[in-house]
């Protein structure tokens, strides 16, 4: 994924995401168009495959400057996370084993 293209995404929807970072492992395993769609959904508050408890925690996090997490799965089966930090300075796309 072209990180420069990702960095041009500003505050979309509910969540200011700051700088978009992608780990090398995520970049090599997630199709670029799926990564882009996932980050757009994350910014709109579509958190992906998370529990109801995590969904509620994300809703609270939006108003309390806490970390927001989405869990996604690419069409090739690769699971990945999108994490926006509490201060909204950056959002990272990574594989679960990289956390």
PDB file of N, CA and C in Angstrom:
ATOM      1  N   UNK A   1       0.852  -1.187   0.000  1.00  0.00           N
ATOM      2  CA  UNK A   1       0.000   0.000   0.000  1.00  0.00           C
ATOM      3  C   UNK A   1       0.880   1.226   0.000  1.00  0.00           C
ATOM      4  N   UNK A   2       0.517   2.199  -0.766  1.00  0.00           N
ATOM      5  CA  UNK A   2       1.254   3.444  -0.808  1.00  0.00           C
ATOM      6  C   UNK A   2       0.934   4.244   0.449  1.00  0.00           C
ATOM      7  N   UNK A   3       1.892   4.294   1.352  1.00  0.00           N
ATOM      8  CA  UNK A   3       1.678   4.983   2.626  1.00  0.00           C
ATOM      9  C   UNK A   3       1.372   6.453   2.402  1.00  0.00           C
ATOM     10  N   UNK A   4       1.965   7.065   1.381  1.00  0.00           N
ATOM     11  CA  UNK A   4       1.679   8.472   1.105  1.00  0.00           C
ATOM     12  C   UNK A   4       0.217   8.676   0.747  1.00  0.00           C
ATOM     13  N   UNK A   5      -0.355   7.744   0.016  1.00  0.00           N
ATOM     14  CA  UNK A   5      -1.778   7.846  -0.311  1.00  0.00           C
ATOM     15  C   UNK A   5      -2.609   7.721   0.962  1.00  0.00           C
ATOM     16  N   UNK A   6      -2.210   6.813   1.844  1.00  0.00           N
ATOM     17  CA  UNK A   6      -2.933   6.641   3.099  1.00  0.00           C
ATOM     18  C   UNK A   6      -2.833   7.899   3.953  1.00  0.00           C
ATOM     19  N   UNK A   7      -1.690   8.559   3.936  1.00  0.00           N
ATOM     20  CA  UNK A   7      -1.509   9.749   4.759  1.00  0.00           C
ATOM     21  C   UNK A   7      -2.349  10.919   4.275  1.00  0.00           C
ATOM     22  N   UNK A   8      -2.888  10.845   3.048  1.00  0.00           N
ATOM     23  CA  UNK A   8      -3.720  11.929   2.558  1.00  0.00           C
ATOM     24  C   UNK A   8      -5.145  11.835   3.091  1.00  0.00           C
ATOM     25  N   UNK A   9      -5.454  10.744   3.782  1.00  0.00           N
ATOM     26  CA  UNK A   9      -6.783  10.590   4.379  1.00  0.00           C
ATOM     27  C   UNK A   9      -6.825  11.428   5.654  1.00  0.00           C
ATOM     28  N   UNK A  10      -7.680  12.430   5.652  1.00  0.00           N
ATOM     29  CA  UNK A  10      -7.817  13.251   6.842  1.00  0.00           C
ATOM     30  C   UNK A  10      -8.970  12.733   7.670  1.00  0.00           C
ATOM     31  N   UNK A  11      -9.444  13.527   8.564  1.00  0.00           N
ATOM     32  CA  UNK A  11     -10.508  13.121   9.468  1.00  0.00           C
ATOM     33  C   UNK A  11     -11.731  12.690   8.668  1.00  0.00           C
ATOM     34  N   UNK A  12     -12.035  11.417   8.740  1.00  0.00           N
ATOM     35  CA  UNK A  12     -13.148  10.839   7.999  1.00  0.00           C
ATOM     36  C   UNK A  12     -14.203  10.420   9.007  1.00  0.00           C
ATOM     37  N   UNK A  13     -15.384  10.957   8.864  1.00  0.00           N
ATOM     38  CA  UNK A  13     -16.459  10.502   9.726  1.00  0.00           C
ATOM     39  C   UNK A  13     -16.250  10.841  11.193  1.00  0.00           C
ATOM     40  N   UNK A  14     -16.328   9.816  12.029  1.00  0.00           N
ATOM     41  CA  UNK A  14     -16.297   9.976  13.473  1.00  0.00           C
ATOM     42  C   UNK A  14     -14.918  10.203  14.070  1.00  0.00           C
ATOM     43  N   UNK A  15     -13.914   9.666  13.447  1.00  0.00           N
ATOM     44  CA  UNK A  15     -12.636   9.482  14.122  1.00  0.00           C
ATOM     45  C   UNK A  15     -11.466  10.162  13.419  1.00  0.00           C
ATOM     46  N   UNK A  16     -10.853  11.164  14.053  1.00  0.00           N
ATOM     47  CA  UNK A  16      -9.598  11.694  13.521  1.00  0.00           C
ATOM     48  C   UNK A  16      -8.533  10.597  13.675  1.00  0.00           C
ATOM     49  N   UNK A  17      -7.826  10.273  12.617  1.00  0.00           N
ATOM     50  CA  UNK A  17      -6.889   9.145  12.663  1.00  0.00           C
ATOM     51  C   UNK A  17      -5.429   9.549  12.649  1.00  0.00           C
ATOM     52  N   UNK A  18      -5.128  10.823  12.460  1.00  0.00           N
ATOM     53  CA  UNK A  18      -3.735  11.244  12.433  1.00  0.00           C
ATOM     54  C   UNK A  18      -2.979  10.601  11.279  1.00  0.00           C
ATOM     55  N   UNK A  19      -1.714  10.393  11.488  1.00  0.00           N
ATOM     56  CA  UNK A  19      -0.864   9.775  10.468  1.00  0.00           C
ATOM     57  C   UNK A  19      -1.186   8.282  10.374  1.00  0.00           C
ATOM     58  N   UNK A  20      -1.305   7.766   9.164  1.00  0.00           N
ATOM     59  CA  UNK A  20      -1.574   6.348   8.950  1.00  0.00           C
ATOM     60  C   UNK A  20      -0.253   5.616   8.775  1.00  0.00           C
ATOM     61  N   UNK A  21      -0.027   4.608   9.613  1.00  0.00           N
ATOM     62  CA  UNK A  21       1.183   3.789   9.555  1.00  0.00           C
ATOM     63  C   UNK A  21       0.791   2.358   9.222  1.00  0.00           C
ATOM     64  N   UNK A  22       1.609   1.692   8.418  1.00  0.00           N
ATOM     65  CA  UNK A  22       1.364   0.304   8.037  1.00  0.00           C
ATOM     66  C   UNK A  22       2.652  -0.477   8.265  1.00  0.00           C
ATOM     67  N   UNK A  23       2.576  -1.555   9.023  1.00  0.00           N
ATOM     68  CA  UNK A  23       3.778  -2.358   9.231  1.00  0.00           C
ATOM     69  C   UNK A  23       4.157  -3.063   7.930  1.00  0.00           C
ATOM     70  N   UNK A  24       5.416  -3.450   7.826  1.00  0.00           N
ATOM     71  CA  UNK A  24       5.872  -4.150   6.620  1.00  0.00           C
ATOM     72  C   UNK A  24       5.117  -5.456   6.416  1.00  0.00           C
ATOM     73  N   UNK A  25       4.895  -6.182   7.496  1.00  0.00           N
ATOM     74  CA  UNK A  25       4.196  -7.462   7.384  1.00  0.00           C
ATOM     75  C   UNK A  25       2.763  -7.256   6.891  1.00  0.00           C
ATOM     76  N   UNK A  26       2.079  -6.262   7.443  1.00  0.00           N
ATOM     77  CA  UNK A  26       0.709  -5.977   7.003  1.00  0.00           C
ATOM     78  C   UNK A  26       0.709  -5.536   5.542  1.00  0.00           C
ATOM     79  N   UNK A  27       1.651  -4.710   5.183  1.00  0.00           N
ATOM     80  CA  UNK A  27       1.743  -4.209   3.812  1.00  0.00           C
ATOM     81  C   UNK A  27       1.960  -5.342   2.811  1.00  0.00           C
ATOM     82  N   UNK A  28       2.675  -6.360   3.224  1.00  0.00           N
ATOM     83  CA  UNK A  28       2.983  -7.460   2.296  1.00  0.00           C
ATOM     84  C   UNK A  28       1.856  -8.498   2.221  1.00  0.00           C
ATOM     85  N   UNK A  29       0.942  -8.505   3.187  1.00  0.00           N
ATOM     86  CA  UNK A  29      -0.080  -9.558   3.229  1.00  0.00           C
ATOM     87  C   UNK A  29      -1.505  -9.095   2.975  1.00  0.00           C
ATOM     88  N   UNK A  30      -1.751  -7.797   3.048  1.00  0.00           N
ATOM     89  CA  UNK A  30      -3.106  -7.291   2.875  1.00  0.00           C
ATOM     90  C   UNK A  30      -3.204  -6.587   1.516  1.00  0.00           C
ATOM     91  N   UNK A  31      -4.160  -6.998   0.679  1.00  0.00           N
ATOM     92  CA  UNK A  31      -4.334  -6.309  -0.610  1.00  0.00           C
ATOM     93  C   UNK A  31      -4.595  -4.818  -0.393  1.00  0.00           C
ATOM     94  N   UNK A  32      -3.934  -3.958  -1.167  1.00  0.00           N
ATOM     95  CA  UNK A  32      -4.035  -2.507  -0.953  1.00  0.00           C
ATOM     96  C   UNK A  32      -5.459  -1.966  -0.932  1.00  0.00           C
ATOM     97  N   UNK A  33      -6.288  -2.423  -1.858  1.00  0.00           N
ATOM     98  CA  UNK A  33      -7.650  -1.890  -1.899  1.00  0.00           C
ATOM     99  C   UNK A  33      -8.455  -2.322  -0.673  1.00  0.00           C
ATOM    100  N   UNK A  34      -8.157  -3.489  -0.128  1.00  0.00           N
ATOM    101  CA  UNK A  34      -8.850  -3.945   1.083  1.00  0.00           C
ATOM    102  C   UNK A  34      -8.366  -3.163   2.306  1.00  0.00           C
ATOM    103  N   UNK A  35      -7.098  -2.827   2.311  1.00  0.00           N
ATOM    104  CA  UNK A  35      -6.555  -2.022   3.406  1.00  0.00           C
ATOM    105  C   UNK A  35      -7.210  -0.639   3.403  1.00  0.00           C
ATOM    106  N   UNK A  36      -7.338  -0.058   2.223  1.00  0.00           N
ATOM    107  CA  UNK A  36      -7.960   1.259   2.107  1.00  0.00           C
ATOM    108  C   UNK A  36      -9.418   1.215   2.560  1.00  0.00           C
ATOM    109  N   UNK A  37     -10.163   0.214   2.108  1.00  0.00           N
ATOM    110  CA  UNK A  37     -11.564   0.097   2.521  1.00  0.00           C
ATOM    111  C   UNK A  37     -11.686  -0.071   4.035  1.00  0.00           C
ATOM    112  N   UNK A  38     -10.790  -0.865   4.622  1.00  0.00           N
ATOM    113  CA  UNK A  38     -10.822  -1.097   6.069  1.00  0.00           C
ATOM    114  C   UNK A  38     -10.548   0.192   6.843  1.00  0.00           C
ATOM    115  N   UNK A  39      -9.590   0.987   6.386  1.00  0.00           N
ATOM    116  CA  UNK A  39      -9.267   2.225   7.107  1.00  0.00           C
ATOM    117  C   UNK A  39     -10.405   3.240   6.973  1.00  0.00           C
ATOM    118  N   UNK A  40     -11.065   3.257   5.821  1.00  0.00           N
ATOM    119  CA  UNK A  40     -12.219   4.136   5.653  1.00  0.00           C
ATOM    120  C   UNK A  40     -13.354   3.726   6.591  1.00  0.00           C
ATOM    121  N   UNK A  41     -13.604   2.435   6.699  1.00  0.00           N
ATOM    122  CA  UNK A  41     -14.645   1.930   7.610  1.00  0.00           C
ATOM    123  C   UNK A  41     -14.284   2.249   9.061  1.00  0.00           C
ATOM    124  N   UNK A  42     -13.026   2.052   9.426  1.00  0.00           N
ATOM    125  CA  UNK A  42     -12.562   2.354  10.784  1.00  0.00           C
ATOM    126  C   UNK A  42     -12.877   3.812  11.123  1.00  0.00           C
ATOM    127  N   UNK A  43     -12.583   4.709  10.207  1.00  0.00           N
ATOM    128  CA  UNK A  43     -12.832   6.132  10.427  1.00  0.00           C
ATOM    129  C   UNK A  43     -14.307   6.474  10.563  1.00  0.00           C
ATOM    130  N   UNK A  44     -15.170   5.634   9.990  1.00  0.00           N
ATOM    131  CA  UNK A  44     -16.618   5.844  10.079  1.00  0.00           C
ATOM    132  C   UNK A  44     -17.235   5.131  11.275  1.00  0.00           C
ATOM    133  N   UNK A  45     -16.432   4.401  12.033  1.00  0.00           N
ATOM    134  CA  UNK A  45     -16.968   3.703  13.192  1.00  0.00           C
ATOM    135  C   UNK A  45     -17.459   2.310  12.898  1.00  0.00           C
ATOM    136  N   UNK A  46     -17.032   1.743  11.795  1.00  0.00           N
ATOM    137  CA  UNK A  46     -17.346   0.343  11.479  1.00  0.00           C
ATOM    138  C   UNK A  46     -16.133  -0.470  11.911  1.00  0.00           C
ATOM    139  N   UNK A  47     -16.225  -1.096  13.067  1.00  0.00           N
ATOM    140  CA  UNK A  47     -15.068  -1.696  13.734  1.00  0.00           C
ATOM    141  C   UNK A  47     -14.729  -3.107  13.280  1.00  0.00           C
ATOM    142  N   UNK A  48     -15.485  -3.671  12.383  1.00  0.00           N
ATOM    143  CA  UNK A  48     -15.158  -5.005  11.872  1.00  0.00           C
ATOM    144  C   UNK A  48     -15.592  -6.122  12.797  1.00  0.00           C
ATOM    145  N   UNK A  49     -14.755  -7.145  12.903  1.00  0.00           N
ATOM    146  CA  UNK A  49     -15.083  -8.385  13.627  1.00  0.00           C
ATOM    147  C   UNK A  49     -14.682  -8.313  15.097  1.00  0.00           C
ATOM    148  N   UNK A  50     -15.333  -7.422  15.855  1.00  0.00           N
ATOM    149  CA  UNK A  50     -15.023  -7.320  17.279  1.00  0.00           C
ATOM    150  C   UNK A  50     -16.258  -7.693  18.095  1.00  0.00           C
ATOM    151  N   UNK A  51     -16.027  -7.989  19.357  1.00  0.00           N
ATOM    152  CA  UNK A  51     -17.115  -8.382  20.248  1.00  0.00           C
ATOM    153  C   UNK A  51     -18.004  -7.177  20.576  1.00  0.00           C
ATOM    154  N   UNK A  52     -19.180  -7.456  21.089  1.00  0.00           N
ATOM    155  CA  UNK A  52     -20.077  -6.383  21.515  1.00  0.00           C
ATOM    156  C   UNK A  52     -19.426  -5.542  22.615  1.00  0.00           C
ATOM    157  N   UNK A  53     -18.680  -6.193  23.486  1.00  0.00           N
ATOM    158  CA  UNK A  53     -17.981  -5.484  24.559  1.00  0.00           C
ATOM    159  C   UNK A  53     -16.938  -4.517  23.987  1.00  0.00           C
ATOM    160  N   UNK A  54     -16.165  -4.978  23.005  1.00  0.00           N
ATOM    161  CA  UNK A  54     -15.161  -4.114  22.371  1.00  0.00           C
ATOM    162  C   UNK A  54     -15.829  -2.991  21.575  1.00  0.00           C
ATOM    163  N   UNK A  55     -16.967  -3.294  20.975  1.00  0.00           N
ATOM    164  CA  UNK A  55     -17.721  -2.282  20.234  1.00  0.00           C
ATOM    165  C   UNK A  55     -18.165  -1.163  21.189  1.00  0.00           C
ATOM    166  N   UNK A  56     -18.649  -1.557  22.358  1.00  0.00           N
ATOM    167  CA  UNK A  56     -19.060  -0.578  23.363  1.00  0.00           C
ATOM    168  C   UNK A  56     -17.862   0.226  23.856  1.00  0.00           C
ATOM    169  N   UNK A  57     -16.730  -0.449  24.057  1.00  0.00           N
ATOM    170  CA  UNK A  57     -15.513   0.243  24.506  1.00  0.00           C
ATOM    171  C   UNK A  57     -15.056   1.266  23.458  1.00  0.00           C
ATOM    172  N   UNK A  58     -15.147   0.912  22.183  1.00  0.00           N
ATOM    173  CA  UNK A  58     -14.780   1.857  21.121  1.00  0.00           C
ATOM    174  C   UNK A  58     -15.710   3.067  21.127  1.00  0.00           C
ATOM    175  N   UNK A  59     -16.985   2.843  21.360  1.00  0.00           N
ATOM    176  CA  UNK A  59     -17.933   3.959  21.408  1.00  0.00           C
ATOM    177  C   UNK A  59     -17.588   4.921  22.537  1.00  0.00           C
ATOM    178  N   UNK A  60     -17.241   4.381  23.679  1.00  0.00           N
ATOM    179  CA  UNK A  60     -16.806   5.214  24.813  1.00  0.00           C
ATOM    180  C   UNK A  60     -15.501   5.921  24.467  1.00  0.00           C
ATOM    181  N   UNK A  61     -14.584   5.207  23.818  1.00  0.00           N
ATOM    182  CA  UNK A  61     -13.263   5.753  23.475  1.00  0.00           C
ATOM    183  C   UNK A  61     -13.368   6.977  22.568  1.00  0.00           C
ATOM    184  N   UNK A  62     -14.375   7.023  21.724  1.00  0.00           N
ATOM    185  CA  UNK A  62     -14.542   8.170  20.831  1.00  0.00           C
ATOM    186  C   UNK A  62     -14.701   9.468  21.606  1.00  0.00           C
ATOM    187  N   UNK A  63     -15.376   9.409  22.743  1.00  0.00           N
ATOM    188  CA  UNK A  63     -15.659  10.609  23.525  1.00  0.00           C
ATOM    189  C   UNK A  63     -14.661  10.865  24.644  1.00  0.00           C
ATOM    190  N   UNK A  64     -13.837   9.904  24.946  1.00  0.00           N
ATOM    191  CA  UNK A  64     -12.920  10.033  26.084  1.00  0.00           C
ATOM    192  C   UNK A  64     -11.458   9.995  25.693  1.00  0.00           C
ATOM    193  N   UNK A  65     -11.156  10.157  24.437  1.00  0.00           N
ATOM    194  CA  UNK A  65      -9.772  10.140  23.959  1.00  0.00           C
ATOM    195  C   UNK A  65      -9.026   8.880  24.398  1.00  0.00           C
ATOM    196  N   UNK A  66      -9.631   7.735  24.140  1.00  0.00           N
ATOM    197  CA  UNK A  66      -9.005   6.453  24.409  1.00  0.00           C
ATOM    198  C   UNK A  66      -8.699   5.770  23.080  1.00  0.00           C
ATOM    199  N   UNK A  67      -7.896   4.742  23.125  1.00  0.00           N
ATOM    200  CA  UNK A  67      -7.511   3.996  21.935  1.00  0.00           C
ATOM    201  C   UNK A  67      -8.725   3.306  21.308  1.00  0.00           C
ATOM    202  N   UNK A  68      -8.786   3.291  19.977  1.00  0.00           N
ATOM    203  CA  UNK A  68      -9.872   2.669  19.233  1.00  0.00           C
ATOM    204  C   UNK A  68      -9.277   1.557  18.373  1.00  0.00           C
ATOM    205  N   UNK A  69      -9.921   0.374  18.408  1.00  0.00           N
ATOM    206  CA  UNK A  69      -9.385  -0.802  17.718  1.00  0.00           C
ATOM    207  C   UNK A  69     -10.448  -1.425  16.813  1.00  0.00           C
ATOM    208  N   UNK A  70     -10.040  -1.748  15.594  1.00  0.00           N
ATOM    209  CA  UNK A  70     -10.864  -2.532  14.674  1.00  0.00           C
ATOM    210  C   UNK A  70     -10.123  -3.822  14.369  1.00  0.00           C
ATOM    211  N   UNK A  71     -10.886  -4.864  14.097  1.00  0.00           N
ATOM    212  CA  UNK A  71     -10.294  -6.132  13.671  1.00  0.00           C
ATOM    213  C   UNK A  71     -10.916  -6.497  12.332  1.00  0.00           C
ATOM    214  N   UNK A  72     -10.080  -6.783  11.358  1.00  0.00           N
ATOM    215  CA  UNK A  72     -10.553  -7.047  10.001  1.00  0.00           C
ATOM    216  C   UNK A  72      -9.948  -8.352   9.486  1.00  0.00           C
ATOM    217  N   UNK A  73     -10.532  -8.843   8.398  1.00  0.00           N
ATOM    218  CA  UNK A  73      -9.998 -10.023   7.723  1.00  0.00           C
ATOM    219  C   UNK A  73     -10.016  -9.752   6.228  1.00  0.00           C
ATOM    220  N   UNK A  74      -8.847  -9.884   5.608  1.00  0.00           N
ATOM    221  CA  UNK A  74      -8.725  -9.700   4.165  1.00  0.00           C
ATOM    222  C   UNK A  74      -9.309 -10.917   3.442  1.00  0.00           C
ATOM    223  N   UNK A  75      -9.582 -10.767   2.176  1.00  0.00           N
ATOM    224  CA  UNK A  75     -10.160 -11.861   1.390  1.00  0.00           C
ATOM    225  C   UNK A  75      -9.234 -13.070   1.309  1.00  0.00           C
ATOM    226  N   UNK A  76      -7.937 -12.855   1.537  1.00  0.00           N
ATOM    227  CA  UNK A  76      -6.983 -13.974   1.527  1.00  0.00           C
ATOM    228  C   UNK A  76      -6.876 -14.655   2.893  1.00  0.00           C
ATOM    229  N   UNK A  77      -7.730 -14.232   3.840  1.00  0.00           N
ATOM    230  CA  UNK A  77      -7.755 -14.852   5.163  1.00  0.00           C
ATOM    231  C   UNK A  77      -6.884 -14.165   6.205  1.00  0.00           C
ATOM    232  N   UNK A  78      -6.093 -13.202   5.805  1.00  0.00           N
ATOM    233  CA  UNK A  78      -5.209 -12.505   6.741  1.00  0.00           C
ATOM    234  C   UNK A  78      -6.017 -11.634   7.692  1.00  0.00           C
ATOM    235  N   UNK A  79      -5.881 -11.906   8.992  1.00  0.00           N
ATOM    236  CA  UNK A  79      -6.491 -11.052  10.011  1.00  0.00           C
ATOM    237  C   UNK A  79      -5.563  -9.880  10.259  1.00  0.00           C
ATOM    238  N   UNK A  80      -6.154  -8.698  10.461  1.00  0.00           N
ATOM    239  CA  UNK A  80      -5.333  -7.537  10.802  1.00  0.00           C
ATOM    240  C   UNK A  80      -6.114  -6.589  11.688  1.00  0.00           C
ATOM    241  N   UNK A  81      -5.359  -5.789  12.394  1.00  0.00           N
ATOM    242  CA  UNK A  81      -5.929  -4.809  13.315  1.00  0.00           C
ATOM    243  C   UNK A  81      -5.646  -3.403  12.803  1.00  0.00           C
ATOM    244  N   UNK A  82      -6.527  -2.508  13.163  1.00  0.00           N
ATOM    245  CA  UNK A  82      -6.323  -1.082  12.941  1.00  0.00           C
ATOM    246  C   UNK A  82      -6.487  -0.429  14.308  1.00  0.00           C
ATOM    247  N   UNK A  83      -5.456   0.270  14.734  1.00  0.00           N
ATOM    248  CA  UNK A  83      -5.466   0.878  16.067  1.00  0.00           C
ATOM    249  C   UNK A  83      -5.196   2.373  15.948  1.00  0.00           C
ATOM    250  N   UNK A  84      -6.143   3.173  16.420  1.00  0.00           N
ATOM    251  CA  UNK A  84      -5.947   4.620  16.504  1.00  0.00           C
ATOM    252  C   UNK A  84      -5.607   4.942  17.949  1.00  0.00           C
ATOM    253  N   UNK A  85      -4.491   5.612  18.144  1.00  0.00           N
ATOM    254  CA  UNK A  85      -4.013   5.920  19.492  1.00  0.00           C
ATOM    255  C   UNK A  85      -4.899   6.940  20.193  1.00  0.00           C
ATOM    256  N   UNK A  86      -4.819   6.946  21.497  1.00  0.00           N
ATOM    257  CA  UNK A  86      -5.661   7.790  22.352  1.00  0.00           C
ATOM    258  C   UNK A  86      -5.594   9.268  22.001  1.00  0.00           C
ATOM    259  N   UNK A  87      -4.420   9.741  21.574  1.00  0.00           N
ATOM    260  CA  UNK A  87      -4.261  11.159  21.265  1.00  0.00           C
ATOM    261  C   UNK A  87      -4.570  11.477  19.801  1.00  0.00           C
ATOM    262  N   UNK A  88      -4.978  10.450  19.037  1.00  0.00           N
ATOM    263  CA  UNK A  88      -5.350  10.568  17.620  1.00  0.00           C
ATOM    264  C   UNK A  88      -4.184  11.040  16.755  1.00  0.00           C
ATOM    265  N   UNK A  89      -2.961  10.872  17.242  1.00  0.00           N
ATOM    266  CA  UNK A  89      -1.785  11.294  16.483  1.00  0.00           C
ATOM    267  C   UNK A  89      -1.470  10.350  15.331  1.00  0.00           C
ATOM    268  N   UNK A  90      -1.811   9.073  15.503  1.00  0.00           N
ATOM    269  CA  UNK A  90      -1.576   8.124  14.419  1.00  0.00           C
ATOM    270  C   UNK A  90      -2.466   6.895  14.557  1.00  0.00           C
ATOM    271  N   UNK A  91      -2.608   6.232  13.428  1.00  0.00           N
ATOM    272  CA  UNK A  91      -3.372   4.992  13.329  1.00  0.00           C
ATOM    273  C   UNK A  91      -2.468   3.981  12.659  1.00  0.00           C
ATOM    274  N   UNK A  92      -2.392   2.787  13.238  1.00  0.00           N
ATOM    275  CA  UNK A  92      -1.497   1.752  12.720  1.00  0.00           C
ATOM    276  C   UNK A  92      -2.294   0.561  12.223  1.00  0.00           C
ATOM    277  N   UNK A  93      -1.903   0.070  11.060  1.00  0.00           N
ATOM    278  CA  UNK A  93      -2.448  -1.173  10.516  1.00  0.00           C
ATOM    279  C   UNK A  93      -1.373  -2.221  10.720  1.00  0.00           C
ATOM    280  N   UNK A  94      -1.723  -3.314  11.430  1.00  0.00           N
ATOM    281  CA  UNK A  94      -0.751  -4.333  11.784  1.00  0.00           C
ATOM    282  C   UNK A  94      -1.401  -5.697  11.877  1.00  0.00           C
ATOM    283  N   UNK A  95      -0.572  -6.722  11.885  1.00  0.00           N
ATOM    284  CA  UNK A  95      -1.047  -8.082  12.076  1.00  0.00           C
ATOM    285  C   UNK A  95      -1.108  -8.345  13.584  1.00  0.00           C
ATOM    286  N   UNK A  96      -2.018  -9.201  14.041  1.00  0.00           N
ATOM    287  CA  UNK A  96      -2.154  -9.448  15.485  1.00  0.00           C
ATOM    288  C   UNK A  96      -0.861  -9.882  16.163  1.00  0.00           C
ATOM    289  N   UNK A  97      -0.036 -10.671  15.495  1.00  0.00           N
ATOM    290  CA  UNK A  97       1.205 -11.131  16.127  1.00  0.00           C
ATOM    291  C   UNK A  97       2.254 -10.028  16.257  1.00  0.00           C
ATOM    292  N   UNK A  98       1.991  -8.874  15.699  1.00  0.00           N
ATOM    293  CA  UNK A  98       2.929  -7.736  15.801  1.00  0.00           C
ATOM    294  C   UNK A  98       2.611  -6.836  16.991  1.00  0.00           C
ATOM    295  N   UNK A  99       1.533  -7.107  17.678  1.00  0.00           N
ATOM    296  CA  UNK A  99       1.136  -6.226  18.775  1.00  0.00           C
ATOM    297  C   UNK A  99       1.966  -6.498  20.008  1.00  0.00           C
TER     298      UNK A  99
END
